[in-house]
């Protein structure tokens, strides 16, 4: 798993690549800390390189969404592959997020 966070014009983008499995969940949460710290801003989770995700990693998406909602920011999930979209649909997360093709 690789996570890169960039900030440009007040928009924070996390570029996610690889597998987000149970073993990576805690590290993933730590890597997203800058997004939690800036939850009042616009945040984009770019999933173009995301190949796999487990429910424990989805929990981090949910925690970030709650933090963003509490602080008045906005979160978008972009470039989601069909396999990952299906996981979001099966878990009920698909309708909880602003997902852009």
PDB file of N, CA and C in Angstrom:
ATOM      1  N   UNK A   1       0.838  -1.172   0.000  1.00  0.00           N
ATOM      2  CA  UNK A   1       0.000   0.000   0.000  1.00  0.00           C
ATOM      3  C   UNK A   1       0.881   1.233   0.000  1.00  0.00           C
ATOM      4  N   UNK A   2       0.519   2.192  -0.830  1.00  0.00           N
ATOM      5  CA  UNK A   2       1.227   3.458  -0.885  1.00  0.00           C
ATOM      6  C   UNK A   2       0.184   4.574  -0.847  1.00  0.00           C
ATOM      7  N   UNK A   3       0.435   5.566  -0.004  1.00  0.00           N
ATOM      8  CA  UNK A   3      -0.448   6.725   0.105  1.00  0.00           C
ATOM      9  C   UNK A   3       0.397   7.981  -0.028  1.00  0.00           C
ATOM     10  N   UNK A   4      -0.006   8.841  -0.948  1.00  0.00           N
ATOM     11  CA  UNK A   4       0.671  10.129  -1.125  1.00  0.00           C
ATOM     12  C   UNK A   4      -0.368  11.232  -0.973  1.00  0.00           C
ATOM     13  N   UNK A   5      -0.071  12.218  -0.137  1.00  0.00           N
ATOM     14  CA  UNK A   5      -1.002  13.326   0.072  1.00  0.00           C
ATOM     15  C   UNK A   5      -0.393  14.598  -0.488  1.00  0.00           C
ATOM     16  N   UNK A   6      -1.205  15.276  -1.287  1.00  0.00           N
ATOM     17  CA  UNK A   6      -0.787  16.543  -1.895  1.00  0.00           C
ATOM     18  C   UNK A   6      -1.808  17.615  -1.538  1.00  0.00           C
ATOM     19  N   UNK A   7      -1.338  18.847  -1.444  1.00  0.00           N
ATOM     20  CA  UNK A   7      -2.237  19.988  -1.230  1.00  0.00           C
ATOM     21  C   UNK A   7      -1.984  20.988  -2.342  1.00  0.00           C
ATOM     22  N   UNK A   8      -3.061  21.386  -2.998  1.00  0.00           N
ATOM     23  CA  UNK A   8      -2.963  22.376  -4.061  1.00  0.00           C
ATOM     24  C   UNK A   8      -4.223  23.234  -4.044  1.00  0.00           C
ATOM     25  N   UNK A   9      -4.019  24.529  -3.911  1.00  0.00           N
ATOM     26  CA  UNK A   9      -5.136  25.481  -3.885  1.00  0.00           C
ATOM     27  C   UNK A   9      -6.180  25.130  -2.832  1.00  0.00           C
ATOM     28  N   UNK A  10      -5.730  24.661  -1.676  1.00  0.00           N
ATOM     29  CA  UNK A  10      -6.643  24.352  -0.584  1.00  0.00           C
ATOM     30  C   UNK A  10      -7.369  23.026  -0.704  1.00  0.00           C
ATOM     31  N   UNK A  11      -7.034  22.247  -1.731  1.00  0.00           N
ATOM     32  CA  UNK A  11      -7.631  20.924  -1.919  1.00  0.00           C
ATOM     33  C   UNK A  11      -6.595  19.881  -1.544  1.00  0.00           C
ATOM     34  N   UNK A  12      -6.972  19.007  -0.624  1.00  0.00           N
ATOM     35  CA  UNK A  12      -6.082  17.943  -0.174  1.00  0.00           C
ATOM     36  C   UNK A  12      -6.450  16.654  -0.913  1.00  0.00           C
ATOM     37  N   UNK A  13      -5.480  16.089  -1.616  1.00  0.00           N
ATOM     38  CA  UNK A  13      -5.714  14.874  -2.385  1.00  0.00           C
ATOM     39  C   UNK A  13      -4.819  13.767  -1.857  1.00  0.00           C
ATOM     40  N   UNK A  14      -5.431  12.643  -1.545  1.00  0.00           N
ATOM     41  CA  UNK A  14      -4.690  11.437  -1.155  1.00  0.00           C
ATOM     42  C   UNK A  14      -4.741  10.476  -2.328  1.00  0.00           C
ATOM     43  N   UNK A  15      -3.581  10.127  -2.835  1.00  0.00           N
ATOM     44  CA  UNK A  15      -3.481   9.180  -3.942  1.00  0.00           C
ATOM     45  C   UNK A  15      -3.203   7.810  -3.327  1.00  0.00           C
ATOM     46  N   UNK A  16      -4.144   6.896  -3.540  1.00  0.00           N
ATOM     47  CA  UNK A  16      -4.072   5.568  -2.922  1.00  0.00           C
ATOM     48  C   UNK A  16      -3.689   4.535  -3.968  1.00  0.00           C
ATOM     49  N   UNK A  17      -2.697   3.715  -3.635  1.00  0.00           N
ATOM     50  CA  UNK A  17      -2.243   2.677  -4.561  1.00  0.00           C
ATOM     51  C   UNK A  17      -2.027   1.370  -3.820  1.00  0.00           C
ATOM     52  N   UNK A  18      -2.375   0.280  -4.471  1.00  0.00           N
ATOM     53  CA  UNK A  18      -2.097  -1.042  -3.920  1.00  0.00           C
ATOM     54  C   UNK A  18      -3.273  -1.666  -3.197  1.00  0.00           C
ATOM     55  N   UNK A  19      -2.942  -2.471  -2.197  1.00  0.00           N
ATOM     56  CA  UNK A  19      -3.922  -3.234  -1.436  1.00  0.00           C
ATOM     57  C   UNK A  19      -4.102  -2.630  -0.060  1.00  0.00           C
ATOM     58  N   UNK A  20      -5.341  -2.354   0.303  1.00  0.00           N
ATOM     59  CA  UNK A  20      -5.681  -1.893   1.647  1.00  0.00           C
ATOM     60  C   UNK A  20      -6.308  -3.080   2.380  1.00  0.00           C
ATOM     61  N   UNK A  21      -5.458  -3.893   2.945  1.00  0.00           N
ATOM     62  CA  UNK A  21      -5.966  -5.068   3.646  1.00  0.00           C
ATOM     63  C   UNK A  21      -5.957  -4.827   5.154  1.00  0.00           C
ATOM     64  N   UNK A  22      -6.377  -5.818   5.895  1.00  0.00           N
ATOM     65  CA  UNK A  22      -6.488  -5.711   7.343  1.00  0.00           C
ATOM     66  C   UNK A  22      -5.152  -5.351   7.988  1.00  0.00           C
ATOM     67  N   UNK A  23      -4.076  -5.913   7.480  1.00  0.00           N
ATOM     68  CA  UNK A  23      -2.754  -5.635   8.038  1.00  0.00           C
ATOM     69  C   UNK A  23      -2.325  -4.184   7.850  1.00  0.00           C
ATOM     70  N   UNK A  24      -2.868  -3.503   6.857  1.00  0.00           N
ATOM     71  CA  UNK A  24      -2.485  -2.127   6.548  1.00  0.00           C
ATOM     72  C   UNK A  24      -3.439  -1.097   7.160  1.00  0.00           C
ATOM     73  N   UNK A  25      -4.519  -1.522   7.770  1.00  0.00           N
ATOM     74  CA  UNK A  25      -5.561  -0.600   8.231  1.00  0.00           C
ATOM     75  C   UNK A  25      -5.035   0.449   9.211  1.00  0.00           C
ATOM     76  N   UNK A  26      -4.278   0.043  10.203  1.00  0.00           N
ATOM     77  CA  UNK A  26      -3.766   0.997  11.199  1.00  0.00           C
ATOM     78  C   UNK A  26      -2.782   1.973  10.564  1.00  0.00           C
ATOM     79  N   UNK A  27      -1.902   1.466   9.719  1.00  0.00           N
ATOM     80  CA  UNK A  27      -0.944   2.333   9.036  1.00  0.00           C
ATOM     81  C   UNK A  27      -1.664   3.316   8.111  1.00  0.00           C
ATOM     82  N   UNK A  28      -2.695   2.825   7.420  1.00  0.00           N
ATOM     83  CA  UNK A  28      -3.475   3.669   6.519  1.00  0.00           C
ATOM     84  C   UNK A  28      -4.096   4.820   7.296  1.00  0.00           C
ATOM     85  N   UNK A  29      -4.640   4.541   8.463  1.00  0.00           N
ATOM     86  CA  UNK A  29      -5.246   5.583   9.295  1.00  0.00           C
ATOM     87  C   UNK A  29      -4.191   6.638   9.664  1.00  0.00           C
ATOM     88  N   UNK A  30      -3.011   6.206  10.017  1.00  0.00           N
ATOM     89  CA  UNK A  30      -1.926   7.128  10.356  1.00  0.00           C
ATOM     90  C   UNK A  30      -1.512   7.970   9.153  1.00  0.00           C
ATOM     91  N   UNK A  31      -1.432   7.337   7.989  1.00  0.00           N
ATOM     92  CA  UNK A  31      -1.031   8.054   6.785  1.00  0.00           C
ATOM     93  C   UNK A  31      -2.042   9.120   6.377  1.00  0.00           C
ATOM     94  N   UNK A  32      -3.305   8.918   6.743  1.00  0.00           N
ATOM     95  CA  UNK A  32      -4.346   9.900   6.406  1.00  0.00           C
ATOM     96  C   UNK A  32      -4.494  10.996   7.457  1.00  0.00           C
ATOM     97  N   UNK A  33      -3.677  10.989   8.488  1.00  0.00           N
ATOM     98  CA  UNK A  33      -3.783  11.986   9.551  1.00  0.00           C
ATOM     99  C   UNK A  33      -3.818  13.424   9.024  1.00  0.00           C
ATOM    100  N   UNK A  34      -3.002  13.792   8.018  1.00  0.00           N
ATOM    101  CA  UNK A  34      -3.099  15.166   7.497  1.00  0.00           C
ATOM    102  C   UNK A  34      -4.503  15.517   6.977  1.00  0.00           C
ATOM    103  N   UNK A  35      -5.231  14.529   6.495  1.00  0.00           N
ATOM    104  CA  UNK A  35      -6.603  14.784   6.032  1.00  0.00           C
ATOM    105  C   UNK A  35      -7.536  15.002   7.219  1.00  0.00           C
ATOM    106  N   UNK A  36      -7.360  14.228   8.272  1.00  0.00           N
ATOM    107  CA  UNK A  36      -8.152  14.425   9.486  1.00  0.00           C
ATOM    108  C   UNK A  36      -7.863  15.809  10.077  1.00  0.00           C
ATOM    109  N   UNK A  37      -6.599  16.223  10.013  1.00  0.00           N
ATOM    110  CA  UNK A  37      -6.207  17.533  10.535  1.00  0.00           C
ATOM    111  C   UNK A  37      -6.772  18.682   9.718  1.00  0.00           C
ATOM    112  N   UNK A  38      -7.105  18.431   8.468  1.00  0.00           N
ATOM    113  CA  UNK A  38      -7.631  19.455   7.565  1.00  0.00           C
ATOM    114  C   UNK A  38      -9.036  19.103   7.085  1.00  0.00           C
ATOM    115  N   UNK A  39      -9.809  18.500   7.962  1.00  0.00           N
ATOM    116  CA  UNK A  39     -11.145  18.023   7.609  1.00  0.00           C
ATOM    117  C   UNK A  39     -12.122  19.151   7.300  1.00  0.00           C
ATOM    118  N   UNK A  40     -11.735  20.377   7.551  1.00  0.00           N
ATOM    119  CA  UNK A  40     -12.592  21.510   7.211  1.00  0.00           C
ATOM    120  C   UNK A  40     -12.382  21.970   5.769  1.00  0.00           C
ATOM    121  N   UNK A  41     -11.521  21.284   5.049  1.00  0.00           N
ATOM    122  CA  UNK A  41     -11.188  21.635   3.672  1.00  0.00           C
ATOM    123  C   UNK A  41     -11.839  20.643   2.701  1.00  0.00           C
ATOM    124  N   UNK A  42     -11.560  20.859   1.422  1.00  0.00           N
ATOM    125  CA  UNK A  42     -11.996  19.915   0.400  1.00  0.00           C
ATOM    126  C   UNK A  42     -10.968  18.799   0.313  1.00  0.00           C
ATOM    127  N   UNK A  43     -11.445  17.550   0.378  1.00  0.00           N
ATOM    128  CA  UNK A  43     -10.580  16.375   0.374  1.00  0.00           C
ATOM    129  C   UNK A  43     -11.004  15.453  -0.762  1.00  0.00           C
ATOM    130  N   UNK A  44      -9.999  14.953  -1.477  1.00  0.00           N
ATOM    131  CA  UNK A  44     -10.239  13.993  -2.549  1.00  0.00           C
ATOM    132  C   UNK A  44      -9.425  12.743  -2.252  1.00  0.00           C
ATOM    133  N   UNK A  45     -10.092  11.601  -2.275  1.00  0.00           N
ATOM    134  CA  UNK A  45      -9.404  10.319  -2.176  1.00  0.00           C
ATOM    135  C   UNK A  45      -9.351   9.749  -3.594  1.00  0.00           C
ATOM    136  N   UNK A  46      -8.172   9.788  -4.201  1.00  0.00           N
ATOM    137  CA  UNK A  46      -7.992   9.310  -5.570  1.00  0.00           C
ATOM    138  C   UNK A  46      -7.656   7.823  -5.515  1.00  0.00           C
ATOM    139  N   UNK A  47      -8.596   7.002  -5.956  1.00  0.00           N
ATOM    140  CA  UNK A  47      -8.469   5.545  -5.833  1.00  0.00           C
ATOM    141  C   UNK A  47      -8.058   4.868  -7.143  1.00  0.00           C
ATOM    142  N   UNK A  48      -7.508   5.635  -8.068  1.00  0.00           N
ATOM    143  CA  UNK A  48      -7.144   5.078  -9.369  1.00  0.00           C
ATOM    144  C   UNK A  48      -6.228   3.864  -9.240  1.00  0.00           C
ATOM    145  N   UNK A  49      -5.294   3.902  -8.303  1.00  0.00           N
ATOM    146  CA  UNK A  49      -4.353   2.806  -8.130  1.00  0.00           C
ATOM    147  C   UNK A  49      -4.738   1.821  -7.043  1.00  0.00           C
ATOM    148  N   UNK A  50      -5.915   1.998  -6.448  1.00  0.00           N
ATOM    149  CA  UNK A  50      -6.357   1.099  -5.382  1.00  0.00           C
ATOM    150  C   UNK A  50      -6.885  -0.195  -5.995  1.00  0.00           C
ATOM    151  N   UNK A  51      -6.284  -1.298  -5.592  1.00  0.00           N
ATOM    152  CA  UNK A  51      -6.618  -2.600  -6.172  1.00  0.00           C
ATOM    153  C   UNK A  51      -7.559  -3.432  -5.306  1.00  0.00           C
ATOM    154  N   UNK A  52      -7.527  -3.202  -3.990  1.00  0.00           N
ATOM    155  CA  UNK A  52      -8.262  -4.070  -3.069  1.00  0.00           C
ATOM    156  C   UNK A  52      -8.491  -3.305  -1.778  1.00  0.00           C
ATOM    157  N   UNK A  53      -9.643  -3.544  -1.135  1.00  0.00           N
ATOM    158  CA  UNK A  53      -9.916  -2.898   0.144  1.00  0.00           C
ATOM    159  C   UNK A  53     -10.725  -3.851   1.030  1.00  0.00           C
ATOM    160  N   UNK A  54     -10.410  -3.850   2.320  1.00  0.00           N
ATOM    161  CA  UNK A  54     -11.148  -4.664   3.281  1.00  0.00           C
ATOM    162  C   UNK A  54     -12.059  -3.770   4.122  1.00  0.00           C
ATOM    163  N   UNK A  55     -12.920  -4.396   4.889  1.00  0.00           N
ATOM    164  CA  UNK A  55     -13.844  -3.636   5.725  1.00  0.00           C
ATOM    165  C   UNK A  55     -13.111  -2.817   6.781  1.00  0.00           C
ATOM    166  N   UNK A  56     -11.990  -3.314   7.292  1.00  0.00           N
ATOM    167  CA  UNK A  56     -11.251  -2.554   8.298  1.00  0.00           C
ATOM    168  C   UNK A  56     -10.680  -1.269   7.708  1.00  0.00           C
ATOM    169  N   UNK A  57     -10.332  -1.286   6.448  1.00  0.00           N
ATOM    170  CA  UNK A  57      -9.860  -0.068   5.783  1.00  0.00           C
ATOM    171  C   UNK A  57     -11.032   0.845   5.428  1.00  0.00           C
ATOM    172  N   UNK A  58     -12.164   0.253   5.086  1.00  0.00           N
ATOM    173  CA  UNK A  58     -13.362   1.059   4.830  1.00  0.00           C
ATOM    174  C   UNK A  58     -13.746   1.853   6.074  1.00  0.00           C
ATOM    175  N   UNK A  59     -13.467   1.307   7.221  1.00  0.00           N
ATOM    176  CA  UNK A  59     -13.764   2.000   8.477  1.00  0.00           C
ATOM    177  C   UNK A  59     -13.024   3.335   8.529  1.00  0.00           C
ATOM    178  N   UNK A  60     -11.805   3.383   8.019  1.00  0.00           N
ATOM    179  CA  UNK A  60     -11.048   4.634   7.993  1.00  0.00           C
ATOM    180  C   UNK A  60     -11.721   5.649   7.076  1.00  0.00           C
ATOM    181  N   UNK A  61     -12.252   5.199   5.944  1.00  0.00           N
ATOM    182  CA  UNK A  61     -13.000   6.087   5.055  1.00  0.00           C
ATOM    183  C   UNK A  61     -14.183   6.685   5.823  1.00  0.00           C
ATOM    184  N   UNK A  62     -14.884   5.837   6.575  1.00  0.00           N
ATOM    185  CA  UNK A  62     -16.043   6.289   7.336  1.00  0.00           C
ATOM    186  C   UNK A  62     -15.648   7.280   8.428  1.00  0.00           C
ATOM    187  N   UNK A  63     -14.566   6.988   9.146  1.00  0.00           N
ATOM    188  CA  UNK A  63     -14.096   7.909  10.190  1.00  0.00           C
ATOM    189  C   UNK A  63     -13.726   9.268   9.590  1.00  0.00           C
ATOM    190  N   UNK A  64     -13.077   9.254   8.440  1.00  0.00           N
ATOM    191  CA  UNK A  64     -12.718  10.507   7.782  1.00  0.00           C
ATOM    192  C   UNK A  64     -13.974  11.254   7.344  1.00  0.00           C
ATOM    193  N   UNK A  65     -14.945  10.538   6.818  1.00  0.00           N
ATOM    194  CA  UNK A  65     -16.208  11.172   6.405  1.00  0.00           C
ATOM    195  C   UNK A  65     -16.888  11.851   7.591  1.00  0.00           C
ATOM    196  N   UNK A  66     -16.913  11.183   8.735  1.00  0.00           N
ATOM    197  CA  UNK A  66     -17.531  11.760   9.926  1.00  0.00           C
ATOM    198  C   UNK A  66     -16.788  13.014  10.382  1.00  0.00           C
ATOM    199  N   UNK A  67     -15.466  12.984  10.332  1.00  0.00           N
ATOM    200  CA  UNK A  67     -14.662  14.139  10.735  1.00  0.00           C
ATOM    201  C   UNK A  67     -14.892  15.319   9.788  1.00  0.00           C
ATOM    202  N   UNK A  68     -14.951  15.033   8.510  1.00  0.00           N
ATOM    203  CA  UNK A  68     -15.194  16.068   7.505  1.00  0.00           C
ATOM    204  C   UNK A  68     -16.580  16.680   7.706  1.00  0.00           C
ATOM    205  N   UNK A  69     -17.569  15.845   7.950  1.00  0.00           N
ATOM    206  CA  UNK A  69     -18.927  16.342   8.173  1.00  0.00           C
ATOM    207  C   UNK A  69     -18.979  17.222   9.418  1.00  0.00           C
ATOM    208  N   UNK A  70     -18.278  16.827  10.469  1.00  0.00           N
ATOM    209  CA  UNK A  70     -18.279  17.588  11.718  1.00  0.00           C
ATOM    210  C   UNK A  70     -17.599  18.940  11.574  1.00  0.00           C
ATOM    211  N   UNK A  71     -16.594  19.006  10.703  1.00  0.00           N
ATOM    212  CA  UNK A  71     -15.821  20.240  10.560  1.00  0.00           C
ATOM    213  C   UNK A  71     -16.228  21.083   9.355  1.00  0.00           C
ATOM    214  N   UNK A  72     -17.217  20.621   8.596  1.00  0.00           N
ATOM    215  CA  UNK A  72     -17.743  21.421   7.500  1.00  0.00           C
ATOM    216  C   UNK A  72     -16.971  21.347   6.199  1.00  0.00           C
ATOM    217  N   UNK A  73     -16.141  20.325   6.045  1.00  0.00           N
ATOM    218  CA  UNK A  73     -15.410  20.149   4.791  1.00  0.00           C
ATOM    219  C   UNK A  73     -16.227  19.348   3.796  1.00  0.00           C
ATOM    220  N   UNK A  74     -15.558  18.860   2.776  1.00  0.00           N
ATOM    221  CA  UNK A  74     -16.217  18.040   1.766  1.00  0.00           C
ATOM    222  C   UNK A  74     -15.246  16.957   1.317  1.00  0.00           C
ATOM    223  N   UNK A  75     -15.754  15.745   1.168  1.00  0.00           N
ATOM    224  CA  UNK A  75     -14.916  14.630   0.734  1.00  0.00           C
ATOM    225  C   UNK A  75     -15.485  14.027  -0.541  1.00  0.00           C
ATOM    226  N   UNK A  76     -14.589  13.779  -1.481  1.00  0.00           N
ATOM    227  CA  UNK A  76     -14.941  13.147  -2.744  1.00  0.00           C
ATOM    228  C   UNK A  76     -14.031  11.941  -2.938  1.00  0.00           C
ATOM    229  N   UNK A  77     -14.601  10.864  -3.436  1.00  0.00           N
ATOM    230  CA  UNK A  77     -13.804   9.703  -3.802  1.00  0.00           C
ATOM    231  C   UNK A  77     -13.807   9.635  -5.323  1.00  0.00           C
ATOM    232  N   UNK A  78     -12.603   9.611  -5.902  1.00  0.00           N
ATOM    233  CA  UNK A  78     -12.477   9.697  -7.365  1.00  0.00           C
ATOM    234  C   UNK A  78     -11.759   8.475  -7.929  1.00  0.00           C
ATOM    235  N   UNK A  79     -12.041   8.227  -9.207  1.00  0.00           N
ATOM    236  CA  UNK A  79     -11.338   7.199  -9.982  1.00  0.00           C
ATOM    237  C   UNK A  79     -11.417   5.814  -9.355  1.00  0.00           C
ATOM    238  N   UNK A  80     -12.614   5.432  -8.953  1.00  0.00           N
ATOM    239  CA  UNK A  80     -12.814   4.148  -8.281  1.00  0.00           C
ATOM    240  C   UNK A  80     -13.030   3.045  -9.319  1.00  0.00           C
ATOM    241  N   UNK A  81     -12.229   2.010  -9.217  1.00  0.00           N
ATOM    242  CA  UNK A  81     -12.371   0.867 -10.118  1.00  0.00           C
ATOM    243  C   UNK A  81     -13.654   0.120  -9.799  1.00  0.00           C
ATOM    244  N   UNK A  82     -14.168  -0.591 -10.787  1.00  0.00           N
ATOM    245  CA  UNK A  82     -15.432  -1.310 -10.627  1.00  0.00           C
ATOM    246  C   UNK A  82     -15.419  -2.286  -9.453  1.00  0.00           C
ATOM    247  N   UNK A  83     -14.298  -2.973  -9.247  1.00  0.00           N
ATOM    248  CA  UNK A  83     -14.219  -3.947  -8.154  1.00  0.00           C
ATOM    249  C   UNK A  83     -14.353  -3.257  -6.792  1.00  0.00           C
ATOM    250  N   UNK A  84     -13.759  -2.076  -6.667  1.00  0.00           N
ATOM    251  CA  UNK A  84     -13.831  -1.325  -5.414  1.00  0.00           C
ATOM    252  C   UNK A  84     -15.235  -0.736  -5.253  1.00  0.00           C
ATOM    253  N   UNK A  85     -15.825  -0.259  -6.339  1.00  0.00           N
ATOM    254  CA  UNK A  85     -17.206   0.248  -6.291  1.00  0.00           C
ATOM    255  C   UNK A  85     -18.143  -0.829  -5.772  1.00  0.00           C
ATOM    256  N   UNK A  86     -17.929  -2.056  -6.212  1.00  0.00           N
ATOM    257  CA  UNK A  86     -18.790  -3.150  -5.780  1.00  0.00           C
ATOM    258  C   UNK A  86     -18.684  -3.360  -4.271  1.00  0.00           C
ATOM    259  N   UNK A  87     -17.490  -3.240  -3.714  1.00  0.00           N
ATOM    260  CA  UNK A  87     -17.313  -3.354  -2.263  1.00  0.00           C
ATOM    261  C   UNK A  87     -18.072  -2.223  -1.571  1.00  0.00           C
ATOM    262  N   UNK A  88     -17.972  -1.021  -2.109  1.00  0.00           N
ATOM    263  CA  UNK A  88     -18.706   0.109  -1.544  1.00  0.00           C
ATOM    264  C   UNK A  88     -20.214  -0.143  -1.607  1.00  0.00           C
ATOM    265  N   UNK A  89     -20.688  -0.686  -2.704  1.00  0.00           N
ATOM    266  CA  UNK A  89     -22.127  -0.971  -2.831  1.00  0.00           C
ATOM    267  C   UNK A  89     -22.575  -2.045  -1.842  1.00  0.00           C
ATOM    268  N   UNK A  90     -21.806  -3.123  -1.763  1.00  0.00           N
ATOM    269  CA  UNK A  90     -22.178  -4.247  -0.892  1.00  0.00           C
ATOM    270  C   UNK A  90     -22.211  -3.841   0.576  1.00  0.00           C
ATOM    271  N   UNK A  91     -21.371  -2.908   0.961  1.00  0.00           N
ATOM    272  CA  UNK A  91     -21.296  -2.489   2.362  1.00  0.00           C
ATOM    273  C   UNK A  91     -22.212  -1.304   2.676  1.00  0.00           C
ATOM    274  N   UNK A  92     -22.861  -0.751   1.657  1.00  0.00           N
ATOM    275  CA  UNK A  92     -23.734   0.393   1.871  1.00  0.00           C
ATOM    276  C   UNK A  92     -23.000   1.724   1.901  1.00  0.00           C
ATOM    277  N   UNK A  93     -21.706   1.706   1.619  1.00  0.00           N
ATOM    278  CA  UNK A  93     -20.910   2.932   1.646  1.00  0.00           C
ATOM    279  C   UNK A  93     -21.083   3.774   0.385  1.00  0.00           C
ATOM    280  N   UNK A  94     -21.531   3.162  -0.688  1.00  0.00           N
ATOM    281  CA  UNK A  94     -21.597   3.867  -1.976  1.00  0.00           C
ATOM    282  C   UNK A  94     -22.444   5.136  -1.886  1.00  0.00           C
ATOM    283  N   UNK A  95     -23.568   5.057  -1.218  1.00  0.00           N
ATOM    284  CA  UNK A  95     -24.465   6.211  -1.114  1.00  0.00           C
ATOM    285  C   UNK A  95     -24.054   7.189  -0.015  1.00  0.00           C
ATOM    286  N   UNK A  96     -23.047   6.840   0.757  1.00  0.00           N
ATOM    287  CA  UNK A  96     -22.586   7.705   1.842  1.00  0.00           C
ATOM    288  C   UNK A  96     -21.534   8.705   1.374  1.00  0.00           C
ATOM    289  N   UNK A  97     -20.987   8.474   0.193  1.00  0.00           N
ATOM    290  CA  UNK A  97     -19.883   9.298  -0.300  1.00  0.00           C
ATOM    291  C   UNK A  97     -20.232   9.928  -1.650  1.00  0.00           C
ATOM    292  N   UNK A  98     -19.559  11.032  -1.928  1.00  0.00           N
ATOM    293  CA  UNK A  98     -19.617  11.668  -3.234  1.00  0.00           C
ATOM    294  C   UNK A  98     -18.569  10.954  -4.090  1.00  0.00           C
ATOM    295  N   UNK A  99     -19.008  10.037  -4.952  1.00  0.00           N
ATOM    296  CA  UNK A  99     -18.085   9.249  -5.753  1.00  0.00           C
ATOM    297  C   UNK A  99     -18.127   9.746  -7.187  1.00  0.00           C
ATOM    298  N   UNK A 100     -16.956  10.162  -7.679  1.00  0.00           N
ATOM    299  CA  UNK A 100     -16.829  10.676  -9.041  1.00  0.00           C
ATOM    300  C   UNK A 100     -16.140   9.641  -9.910  1.00  0.00           C
ATOM    301  N   UNK A 101     -16.628   9.522 -11.113  1.00  0.00           N
ATOM    302  CA  UNK A 101     -16.040   8.559 -12.074  1.00  0.00           C
ATOM    303  C   UNK A 101     -14.730   9.078 -12.591  1.00  0.00           C
TER     304      UNK A 101
END
